[in-house]
Amino acid sequence: IEAEADYFGLEIARKPDAQISTDKRLADQNLSETDPHPLVEWYFYDHPAIMKRVAMSENWKKQNHRRNL
């Protein structure tokens, strides 16, 4: 569900660089692990790991590059 919310935010705001920057800043401030083991993520996390969120934003940016011009 949270990944869907991230995608919806990208579709509405159309600012993937801002999302990437925010995710990285939050990871630094929270000292959270950016790329945990998949089992740790599945069991303990209620949001996708930071690197997955960053990758999703980067992929969205590549796929929507022409639409953003």
PDB file of N, CA and C in Angstrom:
ATOM      1  N   ILE A   1       0.834  -1.191   0.000  1.00  0.00           N
ATOM      2  CA  ILE A   1       0.000   0.000   0.000  1.00  0.00           C
ATOM      3  C   ILE A   1       0.873   1.247   0.000  1.00  0.00           C
ATOM      4  N   GLU A   2       1.932   1.247   0.783  1.00  0.00           N
ATOM      5  CA  GLU A   2       2.796   2.431   0.841  1.00  0.00           C
ATOM      6  C   GLU A   2       3.501   2.678  -0.486  1.00  0.00           C
ATOM      7  N   ALA A   3       3.885   1.624  -1.183  1.00  0.00           N
ATOM      8  CA  ALA A   3       4.510   1.800  -2.498  1.00  0.00           C
ATOM      9  C   ALA A   3       3.518   2.439  -3.466  1.00  0.00           C
ATOM     10  N   GLU A   4       2.251   2.048  -3.360  1.00  0.00           N
ATOM     11  CA  GLU A   4       1.217   2.652  -4.202  1.00  0.00           C
ATOM     12  C   GLU A   4       1.057   4.133  -3.871  1.00  0.00           C
ATOM     13  N   ALA A   5       1.155   4.473  -2.596  1.00  0.00           N
ATOM     14  CA  ALA A   5       1.060   5.874  -2.189  1.00  0.00           C
ATOM     15  C   ALA A   5       2.238   6.675  -2.741  1.00  0.00           C
ATOM     16  N   ASP A   6       3.428   6.095  -2.715  1.00  0.00           N
ATOM     17  CA  ASP A   6       4.598   6.771  -3.288  1.00  0.00           C
ATOM     18  C   ASP A   6       4.398   7.014  -4.781  1.00  0.00           C
ATOM     19  N   TYR A   7       3.904   5.989  -5.474  1.00  0.00           N
ATOM     20  CA  TYR A   7       3.673   6.116  -6.920  1.00  0.00           C
ATOM     21  C   TYR A   7       2.621   7.191  -7.201  1.00  0.00           C
ATOM     22  N   PHE A   8       1.560   7.202  -6.424  1.00  0.00           N
ATOM     23  CA  PHE A   8       0.515   8.214  -6.586  1.00  0.00           C
ATOM     24  C   PHE A   8       1.110   9.614  -6.396  1.00  0.00           C
ATOM     25  N   GLY A   9       1.956   9.771  -5.386  1.00  0.00           N
ATOM     26  CA  GLY A   9       2.605  11.056  -5.151  1.00  0.00           C
ATOM     27  C   GLY A   9       3.465  11.493  -6.323  1.00  0.00           C
ATOM     28  N   LEU A  10       4.179  10.549  -6.917  1.00  0.00           N
ATOM     29  CA  LEU A  10       4.991  10.870  -8.095  1.00  0.00           C
ATOM     30  C   LEU A  10       4.107  11.293  -9.259  1.00  0.00           C
ATOM     31  N   GLU A  11       2.997  10.614  -9.448  1.00  0.00           N
ATOM     32  CA  GLU A  11       2.081  10.951 -10.539  1.00  0.00           C
ATOM     33  C   GLU A  11       1.477  12.341 -10.354  1.00  0.00           C
ATOM     34  N   ILE A  12       1.176  12.703  -9.130  1.00  0.00           N
ATOM     35  CA  ILE A  12       0.549  14.000  -8.857  1.00  0.00           C
ATOM     36  C   ILE A  12       1.579  15.130  -8.873  1.00  0.00           C
ATOM     37  N   ALA A  13       2.650  14.976  -8.106  1.00  0.00           N
ATOM     38  CA  ALA A  13       3.637  16.056  -7.966  1.00  0.00           C
ATOM     39  C   ALA A  13       4.595  16.128  -9.148  1.00  0.00           C
ATOM     40  N   ARG A  14       4.900  14.974  -9.749  1.00  0.00           N
ATOM     41  CA  ARG A  14       5.803  14.904 -10.898  1.00  0.00           C
ATOM     42  C   ARG A  14       7.190  15.472 -10.569  1.00  0.00           C
ATOM     43  N   LYS A  15       7.666  15.225  -9.345  1.00  0.00           N
ATOM     44  CA  LYS A  15       8.970  15.716  -8.897  1.00  0.00           C
ATOM     45  C   LYS A  15       9.771  14.561  -8.285  1.00  0.00           C
ATOM     46  N   PRO A  16      10.237  13.647  -9.131  1.00  0.00           N
ATOM     47  CA  PRO A  16      10.957  12.491  -8.591  1.00  0.00           C
ATOM     48  C   PRO A  16      12.246  12.860  -7.869  1.00  0.00           C
ATOM     49  N   ASP A  17      12.935  13.904  -8.313  1.00  0.00           N
ATOM     50  CA  ASP A  17      14.178  14.300  -7.639  1.00  0.00           C
ATOM     51  C   ASP A  17      13.898  14.764  -6.213  1.00  0.00           C
ATOM     52  N   ALA A  18      12.784  15.436  -6.017  1.00  0.00           N
ATOM     53  CA  ALA A  18      12.406  15.868  -4.670  1.00  0.00           C
ATOM     54  C   ALA A  18      12.098  14.663  -3.791  1.00  0.00           C
ATOM     55  N   GLN A  19      11.428  13.672  -4.344  1.00  0.00           N
ATOM     56  CA  GLN A  19      11.114  12.457  -3.588  1.00  0.00           C
ATOM     57  C   GLN A  19      12.389  11.709  -3.222  1.00  0.00           C
ATOM     58  N   ILE A  20      13.304  11.601  -4.163  1.00  0.00           N
ATOM     59  CA  ILE A  20      14.576  10.917  -3.913  1.00  0.00           C
ATOM     60  C   ILE A  20      15.357  11.639  -2.821  1.00  0.00           C
ATOM     61  N   SER A  21      15.441  12.952  -2.923  1.00  0.00           N
ATOM     62  CA  SER A  21      16.160  13.748  -1.932  1.00  0.00           C
ATOM     63  C   SER A  21      15.531  13.601  -0.548  1.00  0.00           C
ATOM     64  N   THR A  22      14.217  13.645  -0.500  1.00  0.00           N
ATOM     65  CA  THR A  22      13.511  13.509   0.773  1.00  0.00           C
ATOM     66  C   THR A  22      13.750  12.140   1.388  1.00  0.00           C
ATOM     67  N   ASP A  23      13.645  11.097   0.591  1.00  0.00           N
ATOM     68  CA  ASP A  23      13.874   9.744   1.108  1.00  0.00           C
ATOM     69  C   ASP A  23      15.277   9.598   1.675  1.00  0.00           C
ATOM     70  N   LYS A  24      16.269  10.089   0.960  1.00  0.00           N
ATOM     71  CA  LYS A  24      17.655   9.979   1.428  1.00  0.00           C
ATOM     72  C   LYS A  24      17.881  10.799   2.698  1.00  0.00           C
ATOM     73  N   ARG A  25      17.298  11.980   2.755  1.00  0.00           N
ATOM     74  CA  ARG A  25      17.440  12.825   3.941  1.00  0.00           C
ATOM     75  C   ARG A  25      16.789  12.163   5.156  1.00  0.00           C
ATOM     76  N   LEU A  26      15.605  11.593   4.965  1.00  0.00           N
ATOM     77  CA  LEU A  26      14.935  10.899   6.065  1.00  0.00           C
ATOM     78  C   LEU A  26      15.752   9.712   6.553  1.00  0.00           C
ATOM     79  N   ALA A  27      16.357   8.997   5.643  1.00  0.00           N
ATOM     80  CA  ALA A  27      17.198   7.861   6.035  1.00  0.00           C
ATOM     81  C   ALA A  27      18.379   8.332   6.872  1.00  0.00           C
ATOM     82  N   ASP A  28      19.001   9.429   6.469  1.00  0.00           N
ATOM     83  CA  ASP A  28      20.141   9.962   7.220  1.00  0.00           C
ATOM     84  C   ASP A  28      19.719  10.422   8.611  1.00  0.00           C
ATOM     85  N   GLN A  29      18.607  11.114   8.701  1.00  0.00           N
ATOM     86  CA  GLN A  29      18.147  11.651   9.981  1.00  0.00           C
ATOM     87  C   GLN A  29      17.657  10.559  10.926  1.00  0.00           C
ATOM     88  N   ASN A  30      17.045   9.533  10.367  1.00  0.00           N
ATOM     89  CA  ASN A  30      16.516   8.449  11.195  1.00  0.00           C
ATOM     90  C   ASN A  30      17.538   7.358  11.451  1.00  0.00           C
ATOM     91  N   LEU A  31      18.667   7.450  10.791  1.00  0.00           N
ATOM     92  CA  LEU A  31      19.714   6.439  10.881  1.00  0.00           C
ATOM     93  C   LEU A  31      19.170   5.054  10.539  1.00  0.00           C
ATOM     94  N   SER A  32      18.183   5.023   9.666  1.00  0.00           N
ATOM     95  CA  SER A  32      17.600   3.739   9.285  1.00  0.00           C
ATOM     96  C   SER A  32      18.457   3.058   8.233  1.00  0.00           C
ATOM     97  N   GLU A  33      18.376   1.751   8.227  1.00  0.00           N
ATOM     98  CA  GLU A  33      19.107   0.970   7.238  1.00  0.00           C
ATOM     99  C   GLU A  33      18.458   1.194   5.876  1.00  0.00           C
ATOM    100  N   THR A  34      19.255   1.540   4.900  1.00  0.00           N
ATOM    101  CA  THR A  34      18.695   1.888   3.592  1.00  0.00           C
ATOM    102  C   THR A  34      18.360   0.676   2.740  1.00  0.00           C
ATOM    103  N   ASP A  35      19.041  -0.447   2.973  1.00  0.00           N
ATOM    104  CA  ASP A  35      18.814  -1.636   2.154  1.00  0.00           C
ATOM    105  C   ASP A  35      18.870  -2.889   3.033  1.00  0.00           C
ATOM    106  N   PRO A  36      17.841  -3.099   3.854  1.00  0.00           N
ATOM    107  CA  PRO A  36      17.859  -4.238   4.778  1.00  0.00           C
ATOM    108  C   PRO A  36      17.653  -5.570   4.058  1.00  0.00           C
ATOM    109  N   HIS A  37      17.977  -6.632   4.735  1.00  0.00           N
ATOM    110  CA  HIS A  37      17.703  -7.975   4.214  1.00  0.00           C
ATOM    111  C   HIS A  37      16.190  -8.084   3.961  1.00  0.00           C
ATOM    112  N   PRO A  38      15.782  -8.745   2.891  1.00  0.00           N
ATOM    113  CA  PRO A  38      14.352  -8.837   2.566  1.00  0.00           C
ATOM    114  C   PRO A  38      13.476  -9.377   3.702  1.00  0.00           C
ATOM    115  N   LEU A  39      13.983 -10.336   4.475  1.00  0.00           N
ATOM    116  CA  LEU A  39      13.188 -10.856   5.592  1.00  0.00           C
ATOM    117  C   LEU A  39      13.011  -9.817   6.689  1.00  0.00           C
ATOM    118  N   VAL A  40      14.055  -9.052   6.943  1.00  0.00           N
ATOM    119  CA  VAL A  40      13.966  -7.981   7.938  1.00  0.00           C
ATOM    120  C   VAL A  40      12.956  -6.939   7.475  1.00  0.00           C
ATOM    121  N   GLU A  41      13.035  -6.585   6.215  1.00  0.00           N
ATOM    122  CA  GLU A  41      12.090  -5.606   5.667  1.00  0.00           C
ATOM    123  C   GLU A  41      10.660  -6.136   5.759  1.00  0.00           C
ATOM    124  N   TRP A  42      10.443  -7.362   5.382  1.00  0.00           N
ATOM    125  CA  TRP A  42       9.103  -7.937   5.391  1.00  0.00           C
ATOM    126  C   TRP A  42       8.523  -7.970   6.803  1.00  0.00           C
ATOM    127  N   TYR A  43       9.357  -8.345   7.771  1.00  0.00           N
ATOM    128  CA  TYR A  43       8.861  -8.533   9.134  1.00  0.00           C
ATOM    129  C   TYR A  43       8.728  -7.227   9.913  1.00  0.00           C
ATOM    130  N   PHE A  44       9.696  -6.329   9.784  1.00  0.00           N
ATOM    131  CA  PHE A  44       9.749  -5.156  10.647  1.00  0.00           C
ATOM    132  C   PHE A  44       9.275  -3.857  10.009  1.00  0.00           C
ATOM    133  N   TYR A  45       9.313  -3.762   8.707  1.00  0.00           N
ATOM    134  CA  TYR A  45       9.042  -2.482   8.045  1.00  0.00           C
ATOM    135  C   TYR A  45       7.577  -2.369   7.636  1.00  0.00           C
ATOM    136  N   ASP A  46       7.008  -1.174   7.827  1.00  0.00           N
ATOM    137  CA  ASP A  46       5.652  -0.936   7.325  1.00  0.00           C
ATOM    138  C   ASP A  46       5.679  -0.103   6.043  1.00  0.00           C
ATOM    139  N   HIS A  47       6.878   0.319   5.645  1.00  0.00           N
ATOM    140  CA  HIS A  47       7.087   1.032   4.381  1.00  0.00           C
ATOM    141  C   HIS A  47       8.187   0.303   3.613  1.00  0.00           C
ATOM    142  N   PRO A  48       8.238   0.478   2.299  1.00  0.00           N
ATOM    143  CA  PRO A  48       9.365  -0.104   1.553  1.00  0.00           C
ATOM    144  C   PRO A  48      10.686   0.496   2.047  1.00  0.00           C
ATOM    145  N   ALA A  49      11.743  -0.275   1.951  1.00  0.00           N
ATOM    146  CA  ALA A  49      13.067   0.227   2.331  1.00  0.00           C
ATOM    147  C   ALA A  49      13.420   1.438   1.469  1.00  0.00           C
ATOM    148  N   ILE A  50      14.251   2.304   2.017  1.00  0.00           N
ATOM    149  CA  ILE A  50      14.601   3.555   1.341  1.00  0.00           C
ATOM    150  C   ILE A  50      15.135   3.307  -0.063  1.00  0.00           C
ATOM    151  N   MET A  51      16.032   2.354  -0.232  1.00  0.00           N
ATOM    152  CA  MET A  51      16.612   2.133  -1.559  1.00  0.00           C
ATOM    153  C   MET A  51      15.561   1.657  -2.561  1.00  0.00           C
ATOM    154  N   LYS A  52      14.559   0.927  -2.098  1.00  0.00           N
ATOM    155  CA  LYS A  52      13.470   0.528  -2.995  1.00  0.00           C
ATOM    156  C   LYS A  52      12.643   1.740  -3.396  1.00  0.00           C
ATOM    157  N   ARG A  53      12.430   2.645  -2.446  1.00  0.00           N
ATOM    158  CA  ARG A  53      11.662   3.851  -2.753  1.00  0.00           C
ATOM    159  C   ARG A  53      12.442   4.743  -3.715  1.00  0.00           C
ATOM    160  N   VAL A  54      13.741   4.860  -3.501  1.00  0.00           N
ATOM    161  CA  VAL A  54      14.585   5.654  -4.397  1.00  0.00           C
ATOM    162  C   VAL A  54      14.593   5.025  -5.792  1.00  0.00           C
ATOM    163  N   ALA A  55      14.745   3.710  -5.853  1.00  0.00           N
ATOM    164  CA  ALA A  55      14.751   3.021  -7.152  1.00  0.00           C
ATOM    165  C   ALA A  55      13.427   3.219  -7.880  1.00  0.00           C
ATOM    166  N   MET A  56      12.327   3.169  -7.144  1.00  0.00           N
ATOM    167  CA  MET A  56      11.028   3.377  -7.769  1.00  0.00           C
ATOM    168  C   MET A  56      10.931   4.790  -8.346  1.00  0.00           C
ATOM    169  N   SER A  57      11.410   5.775  -7.605  1.00  0.00           N
ATOM    170  CA  SER A  57      11.380   7.158  -8.089  1.00  0.00           C
ATOM    171  C   SER A  57      12.273   7.331  -9.315  1.00  0.00           C
ATOM    172  N   GLU A  58      13.449   6.705  -9.291  1.00  0.00           N
ATOM    173  CA  GLU A  58      14.349   6.796 -10.447  1.00  0.00           C
ATOM    174  C   GLU A  58      13.736   6.119 -11.672  1.00  0.00           C
ATOM    175  N   ASN A  59      13.108   4.965 -11.477  1.00  0.00           N
ATOM    176  CA  ASN A  59      12.446   4.284 -12.591  1.00  0.00           C
ATOM    177  C   ASN A  59      11.291   5.113 -13.133  1.00  0.00           C
ATOM    178  N   TRP A  60      10.522   5.712 -12.242  1.00  0.00           N
ATOM    179  CA  TRP A  60       9.409   6.558 -12.665  1.00  0.00           C
ATOM    180  C   TRP A  60       9.942   7.726 -13.501  1.00  0.00           C
ATOM    181  N   LYS A  61      11.050   8.300 -13.039  1.00  0.00           N
ATOM    182  CA  LYS A  61      11.653   9.432 -13.750  1.00  0.00           C
ATOM    183  C   LYS A  61      12.069   9.026 -15.163  1.00  0.00           C
ATOM    184  N   LYS A  62      12.696   7.861 -15.301  1.00  0.00           N
ATOM    185  CA  LYS A  62      13.113   7.386 -16.628  1.00  0.00           C
ATOM    186  C   LYS A  62      11.909   7.126 -17.529  1.00  0.00           C
ATOM    187  N   GLN A  63      10.891   6.496 -16.986  1.00  0.00           N
ATOM    188  CA  GLN A  63       9.716   6.141 -17.780  1.00  0.00           C
ATOM    189  C   GLN A  63       8.885   7.354 -18.172  1.00  0.00           C
ATOM    190  N   ASN A  64       8.947   8.401 -17.382  1.00  0.00           N
ATOM    191  CA  ASN A  64       8.100   9.564 -17.614  1.00  0.00           C
ATOM    192  C   ASN A  64       8.879  10.781 -18.074  1.00  0.00           C
ATOM    193  N   HIS A  65      10.118  10.578 -18.504  1.00  0.00           N
ATOM    194  CA  HIS A  65      10.976  11.696 -18.901  1.00  0.00           C
ATOM    195  C   HIS A  65      10.312  12.573 -19.957  1.00  0.00           C
ATOM    196  N   ARG A  66       9.779  11.979 -20.982  1.00  0.00           N
ATOM    197  CA  ARG A  66       9.167  12.758 -22.069  1.00  0.00           C
ATOM    198  C   ARG A  66       7.928  13.503 -21.600  1.00  0.00           C
ATOM    199  N   ARG A  67       7.170  12.900 -20.711  1.00  0.00           N
ATOM    200  CA  ARG A  67       5.968  13.564 -20.189  1.00  0.00           C
ATOM    201  C   ARG A  67       6.317  14.758 -19.318  1.00  0.00           C
ATOM    202  N   ASN A  68       7.535  14.766 -18.766  1.00  0.00           N
ATOM    203  CA  ASN A  68       7.940  15.846 -17.867  1.00  0.00           C
ATOM    204  C   ASN A  68       8.480  17.056 -18.606  1.00  0.00           C
ATOM    205  N   LEU A  69       8.745  16.932 -19.901  1.00  0.00           N
ATOM    206  CA  LEU A  69       9.325  18.044 -20.659  1.00  0.00           C
ATOM    207  C   LEU A  69       8.320  19.122 -20.935  1.00  0.00           C
TER     208      LEU A  69
END
